Amino acid sequence: MLQCLPKNCQDLRKINLEGCHKLENRSLKYFVKCKKLSHLNFSHCYYFQDCGIIFLADGLPEIKSINLDGISLTDRGVKGLVDSHYLFLEEVELDGGEKEISDVGLEQLSRCKQLKHLGISFCECLTDQSLEYLKELKNLVYLRLSKGRDFSSDGLSSFFKEASLSKLRVLNLSECIEVNDQVVSDMLQACGSHLKELSLSWCDSITDTGLISIVDHCCNMENLDLSGIGSIYGECLLRVPEEMTKLKFLDLRLCRQILDNLIDDIVQRKKDLKIEQTCKNEYLFLMLCT
């Protein structure tokens, strides 16, 4: 099927092959013949490796968007991609699982001054040094750094104080365990008023002090994920209908301290708000599992 692309699709600009598990490095020879390709989604095409991505980067003249989530890429592959396309890259999705992408890879990405969208799953080998490199990116609209467990509270606070985040609209720091109330405060001082989506799921160091900061500063928030934060009671959420008027989705699953009657009160006063919560049977199941 891929052999048909160069023969019939010379004007092809975007292609989505997410989850096509049988694609291998040798398949890429067909894509490099489509010289107008600039937006590529190879998410969870497991058999791709560094050499394949480097071949693709060398063969295409201008890659603007590439999704490599779920692929075991290393710093070498990131460098090969950036070397060829740092002037053009606007959207990049990577997977840092198995400790294969380190601070070295983030140093390479910091060369991509046009980057607007950066998502990294499993930031398990990234440290505060990566946050220093990210300060070089001035055009970020979307930033996801999930499972960045080696980011320190001081490093995160420094990032939000010193980075240029005026364009940021979506921020995901799920499972970054050092995100605490002070980090939340510094984050919201930097970009809270224009954030539309925020995920802090499983950032269990956040208390109601941090939650109050969110309600106070995020007047344009549309989607808020606080799932798994067991230390918040959420009384300040009663101000959501009046102070977070644009909020449409609120995830409170596994927020065990938040009472059902508080959630019912919010929903009654804000009919357009959907709140996800964990039912009692789910709690019982989780307790039995643990």
Protein backbone atom coordinates (compact mmCIF):
# COMPACT_ATOMS: atom_id res chain seq x y z
CA MET A 1 0.00 0.00 0.00
CA LEU A 2 2.80 2.43 0.84
CA GLN A 3 4.30 1.95 -2.61
CA CYS A 4 1.28 3.81 -3.98
CA LEU A 5 2.19 7.03 -2.16
CA PRO A 6 5.12 8.27 -4.29
CA LYS A 7 3.32 7.34 -7.50
CA ASN A 8 -0.03 8.95 -6.74
CA CYS A 9 0.33 11.40 -3.83
CA GLN A 10 3.08 13.86 -4.66
CA ASP A 11 1.06 16.68 -3.09
CA LEU A 12 0.64 14.81 0.22
CA ARG A 13 1.44 17.06 3.16
CA LYS A 14 0.02 15.24 6.20
CA ILE A 15 -0.07 11.57 7.09
CA ASN A 16 -1.32 9.77 10.21
CA LEU A 17 -0.17 6.17 10.73
CA GLU A 18 -0.62 6.04 14.49
CA GLY A 19 -0.54 2.50 15.86
CA CYS A 20 0.45 0.81 12.59
CA HIS A 21 2.59 -1.76 14.37
CA LYS A 22 3.92 -3.46 11.24
CA LEU A 23 5.65 -0.35 9.92
CA GLU A 24 9.44 -0.70 10.02
CA ASN A 25 12.43 1.51 9.21
CA ARG A 26 12.54 0.14 5.66
CA SER A 27 9.01 1.49 5.09
CA LEU A 28 10.30 5.04 5.32
CA LYS A 29 11.82 4.97 1.82
CA TYR A 30 8.33 5.54 0.43
CA PHE A 31 7.71 8.63 2.54
CA VAL A 32 10.90 10.44 1.59
CA LYS A 33 9.79 10.36 -2.04
CA CYS A 34 6.79 12.53 -1.10
CA LYS A 35 8.76 15.73 -0.83
CA LYS A 36 5.88 17.90 0.38
CA LEU A 37 5.29 15.83 3.52
CA SER A 38 5.62 18.12 6.53
CA HIS A 39 3.21 16.72 9.18
CA LEU A 40 3.79 13.11 10.26
CA ASN A 41 2.21 11.00 12.99
CA PHE A 42 4.04 7.73 13.67
CA SER A 43 2.86 7.45 17.28
CA HIS A 44 3.23 3.89 18.64
CA CYS A 45 4.76 2.50 15.47
CA TYR A 46 6.96 0.42 17.72
CA TYR A 47 9.52 -0.84 15.21
CA PHE A 48 10.89 2.55 14.26
CA GLN A 49 14.38 3.29 15.60
CA ASP A 50 16.89 6.15 15.58
CA CYS A 51 18.32 5.18 12.20
CA GLY A 52 14.88 5.28 10.60
CA ILE A 53 14.02 8.70 11.98
CA ILE A 54 17.41 10.07 10.88
CA PHE A 55 16.82 8.65 7.39
CA LEU A 56 13.41 10.32 7.30
CA ALA A 57 14.83 13.63 8.54
CA ASP A 58 17.59 13.58 5.93
CA GLY A 59 15.19 12.69 3.12
CA LEU A 60 12.42 15.25 3.64
CA PRO A 61 13.09 18.95 3.03
CA GLU A 62 10.80 20.44 5.70
CA ILE A 63 9.24 18.68 8.70
CA LYS A 64 7.00 20.98 10.74
CA SER A 65 5.15 18.45 12.89
CA ILE A 66 6.13 14.95 14.01
CA ASN A 67 4.61 12.61 16.59
CA LEU A 68 7.00 9.91 17.80
CA ASP A 69 5.23 9.09 21.06
CA GLY A 70 5.48 5.41 21.96
CA ILE A 71 8.70 4.99 19.96
CA SER A 72 12.01 4.09 21.61
CA LEU A 73 13.92 7.08 20.34
CA THR A 74 17.20 8.18 21.96
CA ASP A 75 19.16 11.43 22.09
CA ARG A 76 20.84 10.37 18.84
CA GLY A 77 17.53 10.26 16.99
CA VAL A 78 16.45 13.60 18.45
CA LYS A 79 19.70 15.19 17.31
CA GLY A 80 19.32 13.79 13.80
CA LEU A 81 15.80 15.20 13.57
CA VAL A 82 16.78 18.60 14.93
CA ASP A 83 19.95 18.94 12.85
CA SER A 84 17.91 18.76 9.66
CA HIS A 85 14.74 20.60 10.69
CA TYR A 86 15.39 22.96 13.61
CA LEU A 87 14.39 25.92 11.43
CA PHE A 88 10.97 24.40 10.66
CA LEU A 89 9.83 22.25 13.60
CA GLU A 90 6.68 23.58 15.25
CA GLU A 91 5.21 20.44 16.88
CA VAL A 92 7.08 17.51 18.45
CA GLU A 93 5.77 14.59 20.50
CA LEU A 94 8.34 12.21 22.06
CA ASP A 95 8.47 9.30 24.48
CA GLY A 96 11.17 9.38 27.15
CA GLY A 97 10.35 5.91 28.44
CA GLU A 98 13.08 3.48 29.42
CA LYS A 99 15.36 6.46 30.12
CA GLU A 100 16.30 6.88 26.47
CA ILE A 101 15.89 10.65 26.12
CA SER A 102 17.99 12.70 28.52
CA ASP A 103 18.90 16.34 29.07
CA VAL A 104 21.09 16.03 25.97
CA GLY A 105 17.99 15.55 23.82
CA LEU A 106 16.31 18.59 25.36
CA GLU A 107 19.39 20.66 24.64
CA GLN A 108 18.94 19.76 20.98
CA LEU A 109 15.24 20.66 21.03
CA SER A 110 16.04 24.07 22.51
CA ARG A 111 17.49 24.94 19.09
CA CYS A 112 13.99 24.77 17.56
CA LYS A 113 13.00 28.41 18.04
CA GLN A 114 9.74 28.00 16.11
CA LEU A 115 8.51 25.21 18.40
CA LYS A 116 4.93 25.80 19.56
CA HIS A 117 3.93 22.33 20.71
CA LEU A 118 6.16 20.05 22.79
CA GLY A 119 4.88 16.88 24.44
CA ILE A 120 7.09 14.33 26.21
CA SER A 121 5.72 11.21 27.87
CA PHE A 122 7.71 9.60 30.68
CA CYS A 123 10.29 12.33 31.37
CA GLU A 124 12.09 9.82 33.57
CA CYS A 125 15.64 10.86 32.71
CA LEU A 126 15.13 14.60 32.54
CA THR A 127 16.41 16.89 35.28
CA ASP A 128 16.31 20.59 36.08
CA GLN A 129 18.91 21.06 33.37
CA SER A 130 16.23 20.25 30.78
CA LEU A 131 14.05 22.99 32.26
CA GLU A 132 16.95 25.39 31.75
CA TYR A 133 17.07 24.44 28.07
CA LEU A 134 13.31 24.87 27.72
CA LYS A 135 13.64 28.51 28.76
CA GLU A 136 15.06 29.11 25.27
CA LEU A 137 11.68 28.30 23.66
CA LYS A 138 9.69 31.54 23.47
CA ASN A 139 6.74 30.43 21.33
CA LEU A 140 5.32 27.50 23.28
CA VAL A 141 1.55 27.21 23.17
CA TYR A 142 1.40 23.59 24.38
CA LEU A 143 3.78 21.95 26.87
CA ARG A 144 3.48 18.43 28.30
CA LEU A 145 6.16 17.03 30.60
CA SER A 146 4.56 14.01 32.24
CA LYS A 147 6.27 11.88 34.89
CA GLY A 148 9.14 14.30 35.33
CA ARG A 149 10.01 12.87 38.70
CA ASP A 150 13.54 14.29 38.78
CA PHE A 151 12.38 17.86 38.33
CA SER A 152 12.88 19.63 41.67
CA SER A 153 10.49 22.18 43.16
CA ASP A 154 13.17 24.85 42.90
CA GLY A 155 13.91 23.94 39.29
CA LEU A 156 10.22 24.12 38.34
CA SER A 157 9.75 27.45 40.14
CA SER A 158 12.81 28.86 38.39
CA PHE A 159 11.46 27.73 35.04
CA PHE A 160 8.15 29.50 35.51
CA LYS A 161 9.78 32.65 36.85
CA GLU A 162 12.33 33.00 34.05
CA ALA A 163 10.80 31.37 30.94
CA SER A 164 8.81 33.37 28.41
CA LEU A 165 5.37 31.73 28.58
CA SER A 166 3.04 34.50 27.42
CA LYS A 167 1.73 32.31 24.57
CA LEU A 168 1.21 29.14 26.63
CA ARG A 169 -2.38 27.84 26.59
CA VAL A 170 -2.03 24.14 27.51
CA LEU A 171 0.18 22.82 30.31
CA ASN A 172 0.47 19.21 31.50
CA LEU A 173 2.72 18.35 34.44
CA SER A 174 0.96 15.15 35.47
CA GLU A 175 2.93 12.95 37.87
CA CYS A 176 5.65 15.54 38.38
CA ILE A 177 5.78 14.78 42.08
CA GLU A 178 7.74 17.91 43.11
CA VAL A 179 4.99 20.25 41.95
CA ASN A 180 3.84 21.86 45.20
CA ASP A 181 1.88 24.95 46.20
CA GLN A 182 4.82 27.29 45.59
CA VAL A 183 5.39 25.86 42.11
CA VAL A 184 1.68 26.31 41.36
CA SER A 185 1.85 29.92 42.54
CA ASP A 186 4.89 30.68 40.36
CA MET A 187 3.29 28.88 37.42
CA LEU A 188 0.09 30.90 37.64
CA GLN A 189 1.91 34.19 38.04
CA ALA A 190 3.62 33.41 34.73
CA CYS A 191 0.74 32.12 32.65
CA GLY A 192 -2.38 31.46 34.74
CA SER A 193 -4.62 34.14 33.26
CA HIS A 194 -4.35 32.76 29.71
CA LEU A 195 -4.18 29.01 30.39
CA LYS A 196 -7.07 27.09 28.84
CA GLU A 197 -6.05 23.57 29.88
CA LEU A 198 -4.09 22.45 32.94
CA SER A 199 -3.28 18.93 34.13
CA LEU A 200 -1.73 18.39 37.55
CA SER A 201 -2.95 14.84 38.06
CA TRP A 202 -1.13 12.87 40.76
CA CYS A 203 0.84 15.92 41.89
CA ASP A 204 0.09 14.95 45.46
CA SER A 205 2.14 17.71 47.11
CA ILE A 206 -0.51 20.24 46.12
CA THR A 207 -2.87 21.30 48.91
CA ASP A 208 -5.86 23.62 49.06
CA THR A 209 -3.44 26.56 49.08
CA GLY A 210 -2.40 25.69 45.53
CA LEU A 211 -6.00 25.04 44.53
CA ILE A 212 -7.01 28.49 45.77
CA SER A 213 -4.32 29.97 43.51
CA ILE A 214 -5.84 28.14 40.53
CA VAL A 215 -9.32 29.48 41.24
CA ASP A 216 -7.93 32.99 41.80
CA HIS A 217 -5.84 33.20 38.62
CA CYS A 218 -7.35 30.93 35.93
CA CYS A 219 -10.33 32.91 34.69
CA ASN A 220 -9.99 31.52 31.14
CA MET A 221 -9.55 27.87 32.09
CA GLU A 222 -11.70 25.41 30.13
CA ASN A 223 -10.31 22.02 31.21
CA LEU A 224 -8.75 21.26 34.61
CA ASP A 225 -7.41 17.84 35.66
CA LEU A 226 -6.72 17.38 39.37
CA SER A 227 -7.26 13.64 39.49
CA GLY A 228 -5.36 11.66 42.08
CA ILE A 229 -4.56 14.60 44.36
CA GLY A 230 -5.60 13.18 47.70
CA SER A 231 -4.64 16.17 49.82
CA ILE A 232 -7.22 18.71 48.63
CA TYR A 233 -10.62 19.32 50.26
CA GLY A 234 -11.80 21.70 47.58
CA GLU A 235 -13.97 24.20 49.44
CA CYS A 236 -12.63 26.98 47.20
CA LEU A 237 -14.18 25.17 44.23
CA LEU A 238 -17.50 26.60 45.36
CA ARG A 239 -16.28 29.85 43.75
CA VAL A 240 -15.90 28.18 40.33
CA PRO A 241 -19.36 29.14 38.93
CA GLU A 242 -18.63 32.84 39.51
CA GLU A 243 -14.86 33.04 39.00
CA MET A 244 -14.08 30.30 36.42
CA THR A 245 -17.00 30.93 34.12
CA LYS A 246 -15.36 29.29 31.08
CA LEU A 247 -14.59 25.99 32.82
CA LYS A 248 -16.29 23.09 31.02
CA PHE A 249 -14.52 20.01 32.40
CA LEU A 250 -13.13 19.29 35.87
CA ASP A 251 -11.52 15.93 36.69
CA LEU A 252 -11.66 15.12 40.40
CA ARG A 253 -11.33 11.35 40.24
CA LEU A 254 -9.56 9.87 43.26
CA CYS A 255 -9.64 13.20 45.10
CA ARG A 256 -10.83 11.36 48.19
CA GLN A 257 -11.18 14.35 50.51
CA ILE A 258 -13.69 16.22 48.32
CA LEU A 259 -17.25 15.59 49.47
CA ASP A 260 -20.04 14.65 47.09
CA ASN A 261 -22.35 17.41 48.34
CA LEU A 262 -19.73 20.02 47.45
CA ILE A 263 -19.57 18.68 43.89
CA ASP A 264 -23.37 18.56 43.68
CA ASP A 265 -23.57 22.19 44.74
CA ILE A 266 -21.12 23.29 42.02
CA VAL A 267 -22.92 21.35 39.29
CA GLN A 268 -26.28 22.75 40.32
CA ARG A 269 -24.99 26.30 39.95
CA LYS A 270 -22.96 25.70 36.77
CA LYS A 271 -25.00 23.57 34.41
CA ASP A 272 -22.45 23.55 31.59
CA LEU A 273 -19.70 22.05 33.79
CA LYS A 274 -18.93 18.33 33.65
CA ILE A 275 -17.18 16.94 36.72
CA GLU A 276 -15.58 13.50 36.70
CA GLN A 277 -15.47 11.85 40.10
CA THR A 278 -14.86 8.37 41.49
CA CYS A 279 -17.97 6.57 42.65
CA LYS A 280 -18.09 4.63 45.92
CA ASN A 281 -17.90 1.26 44.17
CA GLU A 282 -14.69 2.35 42.43
CA TYR A 283 -13.22 3.40 45.77
CA LEU A 284 -14.10 0.03 47.25
CA PHE A 285 -12.53 -1.78 44.28
CA LEU A 286 -9.32 0.26 44.60
CA MET A 287 -9.13 -0.44 48.34
CA LEU A 288 -9.52 -4.16 47.76
CA CYS A 289 -6.81 -4.07 45.09
CA THR A 290 -4.34 -2.39 47.42
